[in-house]
N, C-alpha and C. Protein backbone atom coordinates (compact mmCIF):
# COMPACT_ATOMS: atom_id res chain seq x y z
N UNK A 1 89.72 151.06 -96.94
CA UNK A 1 89.94 152.50 -96.87
C UNK A 1 91.44 152.79 -96.77
N UNK A 2 91.92 153.69 -97.61
CA UNK A 2 93.34 154.04 -97.59
C UNK A 2 93.64 154.92 -96.40
N UNK A 3 94.81 154.73 -95.83
CA UNK A 3 95.25 155.57 -94.72
C UNK A 3 96.23 156.60 -95.23
N UNK A 4 96.41 157.68 -94.46
CA UNK A 4 97.28 158.76 -94.88
C UNK A 4 98.72 158.30 -95.07
N UNK A 5 99.13 157.31 -94.28
CA UNK A 5 100.52 156.86 -94.34
C UNK A 5 100.79 155.84 -95.44
N UNK A 6 99.79 155.47 -96.18
CA UNK A 6 99.96 154.48 -97.24
C UNK A 6 100.87 155.02 -98.33
N UNK A 7 101.89 154.23 -98.73
CA UNK A 7 102.85 154.69 -99.74
C UNK A 7 102.19 154.94 -101.09
N UNK A 8 101.02 154.36 -101.30
CA UNK A 8 100.31 154.59 -102.56
C UNK A 8 99.84 156.04 -102.68
N UNK A 9 99.81 156.75 -101.57
CA UNK A 9 99.37 158.14 -101.56
C UNK A 9 100.53 159.13 -101.59
N UNK A 10 101.75 158.62 -101.76
CA UNK A 10 102.94 159.47 -101.78
C UNK A 10 103.48 159.54 -103.20
N UNK A 11 103.71 160.74 -103.69
CA UNK A 11 104.15 160.92 -105.07
C UNK A 11 105.46 161.69 -105.12
N UNK A 12 106.28 161.40 -106.13
CA UNK A 12 107.54 162.10 -106.33
C UNK A 12 107.27 163.45 -106.99
N UNK A 13 107.78 164.51 -106.38
CA UNK A 13 107.57 165.86 -106.92
C UNK A 13 108.80 166.27 -107.74
N UNK A 14 108.61 166.49 -109.00
CA UNK A 14 109.70 166.84 -109.91
C UNK A 14 109.83 168.36 -110.01
N UNK A 15 111.06 168.85 -109.89
CA UNK A 15 111.32 170.29 -110.00
C UNK A 15 111.92 170.61 -111.36
N UNK A 16 111.81 171.87 -111.74
CA UNK A 16 112.29 172.29 -113.06
C UNK A 16 113.80 172.21 -113.16
N UNK A 17 114.49 172.49 -112.06
CA UNK A 17 115.95 172.41 -112.04
C UNK A 17 116.34 171.03 -111.52
N UNK A 18 116.98 170.24 -112.36
CA UNK A 18 117.35 168.88 -112.01
C UNK A 18 118.85 168.67 -111.92
N UNK A 19 119.23 167.40 -111.81
CA UNK A 19 120.65 167.06 -111.67
C UNK A 19 121.48 167.58 -112.84
N UNK A 20 121.06 167.43 -114.09
CA UNK A 20 121.87 167.94 -115.21
C UNK A 20 122.16 169.44 -115.11
N UNK A 21 121.18 170.20 -114.69
CA UNK A 21 121.37 171.65 -114.56
C UNK A 21 122.36 171.97 -113.44
N UNK A 22 122.26 171.24 -112.34
CA UNK A 22 123.18 171.46 -111.23
C UNK A 22 124.60 171.06 -111.61
N UNK A 23 124.74 169.95 -112.33
CA UNK A 23 126.07 169.50 -112.75
C UNK A 23 126.70 170.50 -113.73
N UNK A 24 125.88 171.06 -114.59
CA UNK A 24 126.39 172.06 -115.53
C UNK A 24 126.87 173.29 -114.77
N UNK A 25 126.15 173.69 -113.75
CA UNK A 25 126.52 174.84 -112.94
C UNK A 25 127.84 174.61 -112.22
N UNK A 26 128.03 173.39 -111.72
CA UNK A 26 129.23 173.05 -110.94
C UNK A 26 130.39 172.57 -111.81
N UNK A 27 130.09 172.28 -113.06
CA UNK A 27 131.10 171.73 -113.98
C UNK A 27 131.72 170.44 -113.43
N UNK A 28 130.87 169.57 -112.97
CA UNK A 28 131.28 168.25 -112.50
C UNK A 28 130.05 167.35 -112.51
N UNK A 29 130.26 166.06 -112.27
CA UNK A 29 129.14 165.13 -112.24
C UNK A 29 129.03 164.50 -110.86
N UNK A 30 127.82 164.52 -110.32
CA UNK A 30 127.60 163.98 -108.99
C UNK A 30 127.83 162.47 -108.95
N UNK A 31 128.46 162.02 -107.88
CA UNK A 31 128.73 160.59 -107.73
C UNK A 31 128.97 160.28 -106.25
N UNK A 32 129.08 159.00 -105.95
CA UNK A 32 129.38 158.54 -104.59
C UNK A 32 130.70 157.80 -104.60
N UNK A 33 131.64 158.26 -103.79
CA UNK A 33 132.89 157.55 -103.56
C UNK A 33 132.75 156.87 -102.20
N UNK A 34 132.57 155.57 -102.21
CA UNK A 34 132.29 154.82 -100.97
C UNK A 34 133.57 154.13 -100.50
N UNK A 35 134.13 154.60 -99.39
CA UNK A 35 135.39 154.07 -98.86
C UNK A 35 135.08 153.08 -97.75
N UNK A 36 135.52 151.85 -97.92
CA UNK A 36 135.24 150.79 -96.97
C UNK A 36 136.53 150.11 -96.53
N UNK A 37 136.52 149.57 -95.32
CA UNK A 37 137.70 148.88 -94.81
C UNK A 37 137.63 148.77 -93.30
N UNK A 38 138.56 148.05 -92.73
CA UNK A 38 138.60 147.86 -91.28
C UNK A 38 138.84 149.18 -90.55
N UNK A 39 138.48 149.20 -89.28
CA UNK A 39 138.82 150.33 -88.43
C UNK A 39 140.34 150.47 -88.40
N UNK A 40 140.82 151.69 -88.63
CA UNK A 40 142.26 151.92 -88.63
C UNK A 40 142.93 151.70 -89.98
N UNK A 41 142.15 151.42 -91.01
CA UNK A 41 142.73 151.16 -92.33
C UNK A 41 143.07 152.44 -93.09
N UNK A 42 142.55 153.57 -92.62
CA UNK A 42 142.86 154.84 -93.27
C UNK A 42 141.71 155.46 -94.04
N UNK A 43 140.50 155.01 -93.77
CA UNK A 43 139.33 155.51 -94.50
C UNK A 43 139.13 157.01 -94.33
N UNK A 44 139.09 157.46 -93.08
CA UNK A 44 138.87 158.89 -92.82
C UNK A 44 140.02 159.74 -93.33
N UNK A 45 141.23 159.21 -93.21
CA UNK A 45 142.41 159.92 -93.72
C UNK A 45 142.28 160.15 -95.22
N UNK A 46 141.91 159.09 -95.94
CA UNK A 46 141.72 159.21 -97.38
C UNK A 46 140.57 160.17 -97.69
N UNK A 47 139.47 160.05 -96.97
CA UNK A 47 138.31 160.89 -97.24
C UNK A 47 138.66 162.37 -97.14
N UNK A 48 139.33 162.74 -96.07
CA UNK A 48 139.69 164.15 -95.88
C UNK A 48 140.73 164.60 -96.90
N UNK A 49 141.70 163.75 -97.19
CA UNK A 49 142.72 164.09 -98.18
C UNK A 49 142.12 164.23 -99.57
N UNK A 50 141.17 163.35 -99.90
CA UNK A 50 140.49 163.42 -101.18
C UNK A 50 139.67 164.70 -101.28
N UNK A 51 138.99 165.06 -100.19
CA UNK A 51 138.23 166.30 -100.17
C UNK A 51 139.11 167.51 -100.44
N UNK A 52 140.31 167.52 -99.84
CA UNK A 52 141.25 168.63 -100.06
C UNK A 52 141.74 168.65 -101.50
N UNK A 53 142.03 167.47 -102.03
CA UNK A 53 142.53 167.39 -103.41
C UNK A 53 141.48 167.89 -104.39
N UNK A 54 140.24 167.49 -104.20
CA UNK A 54 139.17 167.94 -105.09
C UNK A 54 138.94 169.45 -104.94
N UNK A 55 139.00 169.93 -103.71
CA UNK A 55 138.82 171.37 -103.47
C UNK A 55 139.90 172.17 -104.18
N UNK A 56 141.13 171.67 -104.16
CA UNK A 56 142.24 172.37 -104.81
C UNK A 56 142.05 172.44 -106.32
N UNK A 57 141.23 171.54 -106.84
CA UNK A 57 140.94 171.51 -108.28
C UNK A 57 139.63 172.22 -108.61
N UNK A 58 139.06 172.87 -107.62
CA UNK A 58 137.83 173.61 -107.85
C UNK A 58 136.59 172.74 -107.92
N UNK A 59 136.64 171.56 -107.31
CA UNK A 59 135.51 170.63 -107.35
C UNK A 59 134.86 170.54 -105.97
N UNK A 60 133.53 170.49 -105.97
CA UNK A 60 132.77 170.51 -104.72
C UNK A 60 132.47 169.08 -104.26
N UNK A 61 132.88 168.79 -103.04
CA UNK A 61 132.62 167.46 -102.47
C UNK A 61 132.15 167.62 -101.03
N UNK A 62 131.67 166.51 -100.47
CA UNK A 62 131.27 166.51 -99.07
C UNK A 62 131.55 165.13 -98.49
N UNK A 63 132.12 165.10 -97.27
CA UNK A 63 132.47 163.84 -96.63
C UNK A 63 131.37 163.42 -95.65
N UNK A 64 130.87 162.22 -95.81
CA UNK A 64 129.97 161.59 -94.85
C UNK A 64 130.79 160.58 -94.06
N UNK A 65 131.19 160.96 -92.85
CA UNK A 65 132.02 160.09 -92.03
C UNK A 65 131.14 159.26 -91.09
N UNK A 66 131.41 157.98 -91.02
CA UNK A 66 130.57 157.07 -90.23
C UNK A 66 130.42 157.48 -88.79
N UNK A 67 131.53 157.83 -88.13
CA UNK A 67 131.47 158.25 -86.74
C UNK A 67 130.70 159.55 -86.58
N UNK A 68 130.95 160.51 -87.46
CA UNK A 68 130.26 161.79 -87.38
C UNK A 68 128.75 161.61 -87.50
N UNK A 69 128.33 160.74 -88.40
CA UNK A 69 126.89 160.53 -88.62
C UNK A 69 126.22 159.89 -87.41
N UNK A 70 126.98 159.15 -86.63
CA UNK A 70 126.42 158.53 -85.43
C UNK A 70 126.23 159.54 -84.30
N UNK A 71 126.70 160.77 -84.50
CA UNK A 71 126.42 161.83 -83.54
C UNK A 71 125.07 162.49 -83.81
N UNK A 72 124.50 162.24 -84.98
CA UNK A 72 123.25 162.90 -85.34
C UNK A 72 122.28 161.98 -86.04
N UNK A 73 122.40 161.89 -87.36
CA UNK A 73 121.46 161.12 -88.17
C UNK A 73 121.26 159.70 -87.65
N UNK A 74 122.34 159.04 -87.24
CA UNK A 74 122.27 157.63 -86.85
C UNK A 74 122.57 157.40 -85.37
N UNK A 75 122.32 158.43 -84.54
CA UNK A 75 122.68 158.31 -83.12
C UNK A 75 121.80 157.31 -82.38
N UNK A 76 120.68 156.91 -82.96
CA UNK A 76 119.79 155.94 -82.31
C UNK A 76 120.10 154.50 -82.71
N UNK A 77 121.18 154.30 -83.47
CA UNK A 77 121.52 152.95 -83.94
C UNK A 77 122.71 152.39 -83.17
N UNK A 78 122.67 151.09 -82.93
CA UNK A 78 123.78 150.41 -82.29
C UNK A 78 124.63 149.70 -83.33
N UNK A 79 125.19 148.54 -82.93
CA UNK A 79 126.11 147.83 -83.82
C UNK A 79 125.69 146.38 -84.04
N UNK A 80 124.42 146.10 -83.83
CA UNK A 80 123.90 144.78 -84.20
C UNK A 80 123.89 144.68 -85.72
N UNK A 81 123.83 143.48 -86.27
CA UNK A 81 123.75 143.36 -87.73
C UNK A 81 122.60 144.15 -88.33
N UNK A 82 121.46 144.16 -87.64
CA UNK A 82 120.30 144.89 -88.15
C UNK A 82 120.55 146.40 -88.13
N UNK A 83 121.14 146.88 -87.05
CA UNK A 83 121.43 148.31 -86.95
C UNK A 83 122.53 148.73 -87.93
N UNK A 84 123.49 147.87 -88.15
CA UNK A 84 124.53 148.17 -89.13
C UNK A 84 123.92 148.31 -90.53
N UNK A 85 123.00 147.42 -90.85
CA UNK A 85 122.33 147.47 -92.15
C UNK A 85 121.55 148.77 -92.31
N UNK A 86 120.81 149.15 -91.26
CA UNK A 86 120.04 150.39 -91.31
C UNK A 86 120.96 151.61 -91.37
N UNK A 87 122.09 151.55 -90.67
CA UNK A 87 123.08 152.62 -90.71
C UNK A 87 123.55 152.86 -92.14
N UNK A 88 123.90 151.79 -92.82
CA UNK A 88 124.40 151.90 -94.19
C UNK A 88 123.28 152.33 -95.14
N UNK A 89 122.07 151.83 -94.93
CA UNK A 89 120.95 152.24 -95.78
C UNK A 89 120.71 153.74 -95.70
N UNK A 90 120.72 154.27 -94.50
CA UNK A 90 120.49 155.71 -94.32
C UNK A 90 121.61 156.52 -94.99
N UNK A 91 122.84 156.10 -94.77
CA UNK A 91 123.96 156.84 -95.37
C UNK A 91 123.89 156.76 -96.88
N UNK A 92 123.51 155.60 -97.42
CA UNK A 92 123.36 155.46 -98.86
C UNK A 92 122.33 156.41 -99.43
N UNK A 93 121.21 156.55 -98.72
CA UNK A 93 120.15 157.46 -99.19
C UNK A 93 120.62 158.91 -99.15
N UNK A 94 121.34 159.29 -98.09
CA UNK A 94 121.85 160.66 -97.99
C UNK A 94 122.91 160.90 -99.07
N UNK A 95 123.78 159.92 -99.28
CA UNK A 95 124.82 160.05 -100.31
C UNK A 95 124.19 160.22 -101.69
N UNK A 96 123.12 159.50 -101.93
CA UNK A 96 122.40 159.62 -103.21
C UNK A 96 121.87 161.04 -103.41
N UNK A 97 121.37 161.65 -102.34
CA UNK A 97 120.87 163.02 -102.42
C UNK A 97 122.00 164.01 -102.73
N UNK A 98 123.14 163.82 -102.08
CA UNK A 98 124.29 164.68 -102.36
C UNK A 98 124.72 164.55 -103.82
N UNK A 99 124.75 163.31 -104.31
CA UNK A 99 125.15 163.09 -105.71
C UNK A 99 124.13 163.71 -106.65
N UNK A 100 122.85 163.63 -106.29
CA UNK A 100 121.81 164.25 -107.11
C UNK A 100 121.95 165.77 -107.13
N UNK A 101 122.51 166.32 -106.05
CA UNK A 101 122.76 167.76 -105.99
C UNK A 101 123.95 168.16 -106.86
N UNK A 102 124.66 167.16 -107.39
CA UNK A 102 125.81 167.43 -108.25
C UNK A 102 127.14 167.36 -107.55
N UNK A 103 127.14 167.00 -106.26
CA UNK A 103 128.38 166.93 -105.50
C UNK A 103 129.05 165.57 -105.64
N UNK A 104 130.34 165.55 -105.36
CA UNK A 104 131.07 164.30 -105.23
C UNK A 104 130.99 163.93 -103.76
N UNK A 105 130.15 162.96 -103.44
CA UNK A 105 129.92 162.58 -102.05
C UNK A 105 130.90 161.48 -101.65
N UNK A 106 131.68 161.74 -100.61
CA UNK A 106 132.68 160.79 -100.12
C UNK A 106 132.16 160.17 -98.84
N UNK A 107 131.76 158.91 -98.90
CA UNK A 107 131.23 158.20 -97.73
C UNK A 107 132.32 157.31 -97.15
N UNK A 108 132.64 157.51 -95.89
CA UNK A 108 133.72 156.78 -95.24
C UNK A 108 133.17 155.99 -94.07
N UNK A 109 132.99 154.69 -94.28
CA UNK A 109 132.42 153.83 -93.25
C UNK A 109 133.03 152.43 -93.33
N UNK A 110 133.13 151.75 -92.19
CA UNK A 110 133.59 150.37 -92.23
C UNK A 110 132.70 149.56 -93.16
N UNK A 111 131.39 149.72 -93.03
CA UNK A 111 130.40 149.02 -93.86
C UNK A 111 130.84 147.58 -94.12
N UNK A 112 130.80 146.73 -93.09
CA UNK A 112 131.43 145.41 -93.18
C UNK A 112 130.74 144.38 -94.06
N UNK A 113 129.43 144.59 -94.33
CA UNK A 113 128.69 143.55 -95.04
C UNK A 113 128.51 143.90 -96.52
N UNK A 114 128.91 142.97 -97.36
CA UNK A 114 128.90 143.19 -98.81
C UNK A 114 127.49 143.50 -99.32
N UNK A 115 126.50 142.81 -98.78
CA UNK A 115 125.12 143.02 -99.28
C UNK A 115 124.64 144.44 -99.01
N UNK A 116 125.08 145.03 -97.91
CA UNK A 116 124.67 146.40 -97.60
C UNK A 116 125.32 147.40 -98.55
N UNK A 117 126.60 147.19 -98.85
CA UNK A 117 127.29 148.08 -99.80
C UNK A 117 126.69 147.91 -101.19
N UNK A 118 126.38 146.67 -101.56
CA UNK A 118 125.79 146.43 -102.88
C UNK A 118 124.41 147.07 -102.99
N UNK A 119 123.68 147.11 -101.87
CA UNK A 119 122.37 147.76 -101.88
C UNK A 119 122.52 149.26 -102.15
N UNK A 120 123.57 149.86 -101.60
CA UNK A 120 123.83 151.28 -101.88
C UNK A 120 124.22 151.48 -103.34
N UNK A 121 124.97 150.57 -103.88
CA UNK A 121 125.38 150.66 -105.28
C UNK A 121 124.15 150.68 -106.20
N UNK A 122 123.14 149.90 -105.86
CA UNK A 122 121.96 149.84 -106.73
C UNK A 122 121.20 151.17 -106.74
N UNK A 123 121.43 152.03 -105.74
CA UNK A 123 120.76 153.33 -105.71
C UNK A 123 121.29 154.25 -106.81
N UNK A 124 122.57 154.07 -107.17
CA UNK A 124 123.19 154.93 -108.17
C UNK A 124 124.25 154.10 -108.91
N UNK A 125 123.83 153.10 -109.65
CA UNK A 125 124.75 152.09 -110.19
C UNK A 125 125.86 152.61 -111.08
N UNK A 126 125.62 153.65 -111.85
CA UNK A 126 126.64 154.13 -112.78
C UNK A 126 127.51 155.22 -112.18
N UNK A 127 127.23 155.60 -110.95
CA UNK A 127 127.99 156.68 -110.33
C UNK A 127 128.42 156.30 -108.92
N UNK A 128 128.66 155.01 -108.69
CA UNK A 128 129.07 154.50 -107.38
C UNK A 128 130.47 153.94 -107.52
N UNK A 129 131.41 154.55 -106.82
CA UNK A 129 132.81 154.13 -106.90
C UNK A 129 133.20 153.56 -105.54
N UNK A 130 133.42 152.27 -105.49
CA UNK A 130 133.77 151.61 -104.23
C UNK A 130 135.29 151.57 -104.09
N UNK A 131 135.79 152.12 -102.98
CA UNK A 131 137.22 152.15 -102.71
C UNK A 131 137.49 151.25 -101.50
N UNK A 132 138.26 150.20 -101.71
CA UNK A 132 138.56 149.23 -100.66
C UNK A 132 139.93 149.53 -100.06
N UNK A 133 139.95 149.90 -98.79
CA UNK A 133 141.21 150.08 -98.07
C UNK A 133 141.68 148.71 -97.61
N UNK A 134 142.43 148.05 -98.45
CA UNK A 134 142.85 146.67 -98.21
C UNK A 134 144.12 146.63 -97.37
N UNK A 135 143.96 146.91 -96.10
CA UNK A 135 145.08 146.89 -95.17
C UNK A 135 144.95 145.70 -94.23
N UNK A 136 146.05 145.01 -93.92
CA UNK A 136 145.97 143.82 -93.06
C UNK A 136 145.51 144.17 -91.65
N UNK A 137 144.84 143.22 -91.04
CA UNK A 137 144.34 143.41 -89.68
C UNK A 137 145.47 143.78 -88.73
N UNK A 138 146.63 143.17 -88.89
CA UNK A 138 147.75 143.44 -87.99
C UNK A 138 148.15 144.91 -88.04
N UNK A 139 148.13 145.50 -89.23
CA UNK A 139 148.46 146.91 -89.37
C UNK A 139 147.41 147.78 -88.68
N UNK A 140 146.14 147.49 -88.96
CA UNK A 140 145.05 148.28 -88.38
C UNK A 140 145.05 148.17 -86.87
N UNK A 141 145.28 146.95 -86.37
CA UNK A 141 145.29 146.76 -84.92
C UNK A 141 146.49 147.43 -84.29
N UNK A 142 147.60 147.46 -85.01
CA UNK A 142 148.79 148.13 -84.51
C UNK A 142 148.59 149.64 -84.40
N UNK A 143 147.85 150.19 -85.34
CA UNK A 143 147.53 151.62 -85.30
C UNK A 143 146.56 151.91 -84.15
N UNK A 144 145.44 151.18 -84.14
CA UNK A 144 144.40 151.28 -83.12
C UNK A 144 144.18 152.72 -82.66
N UNK A 145 143.84 153.64 -83.58
CA UNK A 145 143.76 155.06 -83.23
C UNK A 145 142.75 155.40 -82.14
N UNK A 146 141.71 154.58 -81.99
CA UNK A 146 140.68 154.86 -80.98
C UNK A 146 140.78 153.92 -79.77
N UNK A 147 141.76 153.00 -79.79
CA UNK A 147 141.90 152.05 -78.69
C UNK A 147 140.83 150.98 -78.66
N UNK A 148 140.12 150.82 -79.79
CA UNK A 148 138.99 149.89 -79.82
C UNK A 148 139.43 148.43 -79.95
N UNK A 149 140.50 148.20 -80.70
CA UNK A 149 140.98 146.82 -80.83
C UNK A 149 141.41 146.28 -79.47
N UNK A 150 142.07 147.11 -78.69
CA UNK A 150 142.52 146.69 -77.36
C UNK A 150 141.32 146.31 -76.50
N UNK A 151 140.26 147.13 -76.57
CA UNK A 151 139.05 146.83 -75.81
C UNK A 151 138.37 145.56 -76.31
N UNK A 152 138.37 145.37 -77.64
CA UNK A 152 137.75 144.17 -78.22
C UNK A 152 138.52 142.92 -77.82
N UNK A 153 139.85 142.99 -77.84
CA UNK A 153 140.67 141.85 -77.45
C UNK A 153 140.47 141.51 -75.98
N UNK A 154 140.18 142.54 -75.19
CA UNK A 154 139.95 142.32 -73.76
C UNK A 154 138.52 141.88 -73.46
N UNK A 155 137.70 141.77 -74.50
CA UNK A 155 136.33 141.34 -74.32
C UNK A 155 135.39 142.41 -73.81
N UNK A 156 135.86 143.67 -73.85
CA UNK A 156 135.04 144.77 -73.35
C UNK A 156 134.13 145.35 -74.43
N UNK A 157 134.40 144.99 -75.69
CA UNK A 157 133.53 145.36 -76.81
C UNK A 157 133.17 144.09 -77.55
N UNK A 158 131.91 143.86 -77.77
CA UNK A 158 131.45 142.67 -78.48
C UNK A 158 131.01 143.05 -79.89
N UNK A 159 131.18 142.14 -80.83
CA UNK A 159 130.76 142.36 -82.22
C UNK A 159 131.62 143.37 -82.93
N UNK A 160 132.93 143.37 -82.63
CA UNK A 160 133.83 144.34 -83.24
C UNK A 160 134.37 143.77 -84.56
N UNK A 161 134.22 144.53 -85.63
CA UNK A 161 134.61 144.06 -86.96
C UNK A 161 136.08 143.69 -87.02
N UNK A 162 136.35 142.50 -87.52
CA UNK A 162 137.71 142.02 -87.66
C UNK A 162 138.17 141.16 -86.51
N UNK A 163 137.47 141.26 -85.37
CA UNK A 163 137.83 140.46 -84.20
C UNK A 163 136.80 139.37 -83.96
N UNK A 164 135.58 139.75 -83.59
CA UNK A 164 134.54 138.73 -83.40
C UNK A 164 133.31 139.00 -84.26
N UNK A 165 133.48 139.84 -85.27
CA UNK A 165 132.44 140.06 -86.27
C UNK A 165 133.14 140.16 -87.63
N UNK A 166 132.56 139.59 -88.67
CA UNK A 166 133.28 139.50 -89.95
C UNK A 166 133.33 140.82 -90.72
N UNK A 167 134.37 140.94 -91.53
CA UNK A 167 134.43 141.98 -92.56
C UNK A 167 134.45 141.28 -93.90
N UNK A 168 133.48 141.60 -94.75
CA UNK A 168 133.38 140.97 -96.07
C UNK A 168 133.97 141.90 -97.12
N UNK A 169 135.14 141.54 -97.60
CA UNK A 169 135.85 142.38 -98.57
C UNK A 169 135.07 142.48 -99.88
N UNK A 170 135.17 143.61 -100.57
CA UNK A 170 134.49 143.75 -101.87
C UNK A 170 134.98 142.70 -102.85
N UNK A 171 134.08 142.23 -103.69
CA UNK A 171 134.44 141.24 -104.70
C UNK A 171 134.75 141.89 -106.04
N UNK A 172 134.30 143.14 -106.23
CA UNK A 172 134.51 143.79 -107.52
C UNK A 172 134.52 145.31 -107.36
N UNK A 173 135.44 145.80 -106.52
CA UNK A 173 135.49 147.24 -106.27
C UNK A 173 136.19 147.96 -107.43
N UNK A 174 135.94 149.25 -107.54
CA UNK A 174 136.57 150.05 -108.60
C UNK A 174 138.02 150.38 -108.27
N UNK A 175 138.31 150.61 -107.00
CA UNK A 175 139.66 151.01 -106.59
C UNK A 175 140.05 150.22 -105.35
N UNK A 176 141.26 149.69 -105.35
CA UNK A 176 141.80 149.01 -104.17
C UNK A 176 143.10 149.68 -103.78
N UNK A 177 143.20 150.04 -102.51
CA UNK A 177 144.40 150.69 -102.00
C UNK A 177 145.04 149.78 -100.96
N UNK A 178 146.30 149.46 -101.18
CA UNK A 178 146.99 148.53 -100.29
C UNK A 178 148.44 148.93 -100.14
N UNK A 179 149.15 148.19 -99.31
CA UNK A 179 150.57 148.44 -99.12
C UNK A 179 151.36 148.09 -100.37
N UNK A 180 152.45 148.80 -100.58
CA UNK A 180 153.37 148.49 -101.67
C UNK A 180 154.75 148.29 -101.07
N UNK A 181 155.28 147.09 -101.25
CA UNK A 181 156.59 146.75 -100.67
C UNK A 181 156.61 146.99 -99.17
N UNK A 182 155.49 146.68 -98.52
CA UNK A 182 155.42 146.80 -97.08
C UNK A 182 155.15 148.19 -96.55
N UNK A 183 154.96 149.16 -97.45
CA UNK A 183 154.71 150.53 -97.02
C UNK A 183 153.33 150.99 -97.49
N UNK A 184 152.69 151.80 -96.67
CA UNK A 184 151.39 152.35 -97.04
C UNK A 184 151.57 153.61 -97.88
N UNK A 185 150.74 153.81 -98.87
CA UNK A 185 150.81 155.06 -99.63
C UNK A 185 150.48 156.25 -98.73
N UNK A 186 151.00 157.41 -99.06
CA UNK A 186 150.71 158.61 -98.29
C UNK A 186 149.28 159.07 -98.55
N UNK A 187 148.73 159.88 -97.67
CA UNK A 187 147.37 160.41 -97.92
C UNK A 187 147.27 161.11 -99.27
N UNK A 188 148.30 161.87 -99.64
CA UNK A 188 148.30 162.56 -100.93
C UNK A 188 148.28 161.56 -102.07
N UNK A 189 149.08 160.52 -101.99
CA UNK A 189 149.13 159.52 -103.06
C UNK A 189 147.79 158.82 -103.21
N UNK A 190 147.15 158.50 -102.08
CA UNK A 190 145.84 157.85 -102.14
C UNK A 190 144.81 158.77 -102.78
N UNK A 191 144.83 160.03 -102.38
CA UNK A 191 143.87 160.99 -102.92
C UNK A 191 144.06 161.19 -104.41
N UNK A 192 145.30 161.25 -104.85
CA UNK A 192 145.59 161.42 -106.28
C UNK A 192 145.12 160.20 -107.06
N UNK A 193 145.29 159.01 -106.48
CA UNK A 193 144.85 157.78 -107.15
C UNK A 193 143.34 157.81 -107.40
N UNK A 194 142.58 158.20 -106.39
CA UNK A 194 141.13 158.25 -106.54
C UNK A 194 140.72 159.38 -107.47
N UNK A 195 141.36 160.53 -107.32
CA UNK A 195 141.04 161.68 -108.18
C UNK A 195 141.31 161.36 -109.64
N UNK A 196 142.40 160.67 -109.91
CA UNK A 196 142.74 160.29 -111.28
C UNK A 196 141.67 159.38 -111.86
N UNK A 197 141.15 158.48 -111.03
CA UNK A 197 140.07 157.60 -111.50
C UNK A 197 138.83 158.43 -111.84
N UNK A 198 138.46 159.35 -110.95
CA UNK A 198 137.30 160.19 -111.19
C UNK A 198 137.47 161.02 -112.46
N UNK A 199 138.67 161.54 -112.64
CA UNK A 199 138.96 162.34 -113.83
C UNK A 199 138.86 161.50 -115.09
N UNK A 200 139.38 160.28 -115.04
CA UNK A 200 139.33 159.40 -116.19
C UNK A 200 137.92 158.99 -116.56
N UNK A 201 137.04 158.93 -115.56
CA UNK A 201 135.65 158.56 -115.80
C UNK A 201 134.77 159.76 -116.14
N UNK A 202 135.36 160.95 -116.15
CA UNK A 202 134.61 162.14 -116.55
C UNK A 202 133.82 162.82 -115.45
N UNK A 203 133.99 162.40 -114.20
CA UNK A 203 133.21 162.98 -113.13
C UNK A 203 133.65 164.40 -112.77
N UNK A 204 134.85 164.79 -113.17
CA UNK A 204 135.34 166.11 -112.84
C UNK A 204 135.06 167.13 -113.95
N UNK A 205 134.18 166.75 -114.87
CA UNK A 205 133.78 167.65 -115.94
C UNK A 205 132.26 167.67 -116.04
N UNK A 206 131.73 168.78 -116.49
CA UNK A 206 130.29 168.85 -116.70
C UNK A 206 129.88 168.10 -117.94
N UNK A 207 128.62 167.83 -118.07
CA UNK A 207 128.12 167.10 -119.25
C UNK A 207 128.11 168.01 -120.48
């Protein structure tokens, strides 16, 4: 006997207005810009700067910030490997919905495990742009905007990415942002770099 909760009894409901119609209305193409990197590497800075840059060009975007999401959607998750995986899975599903709505969804999370990021990529393979904030640990720890590295070094935080938990760098990301001649690019320069990529790929134009 089938039960009500059986997935075989759940069907996808298709609406008359779909992603192509929404993209035509917005004059852009929905996609996911996934920003990954160590704590303190500049992910949130880039996300907000990119959002401003797109807004100035008349393009609609939305930022999914890892910390912000842990205040609501993911507030019941910790930082075990299993909870990290579920955290990224949930954000990936939400980002996919935003992209389906025709928005440029900017997801900013440490997302330390390559398999979890790759799983999100499979949700929207042709519209997933991975941005790697390739900043050295020494720089990120020197910034330590939340004081977390200091706590991790003191043993007051366990499983902290980059200290006693690994960060797996992307093997084939679309965009890599790093220091040039020992200096970090400005938020504006980073945002323009990503925006130029989106423009070149046609995401800033309707179909």
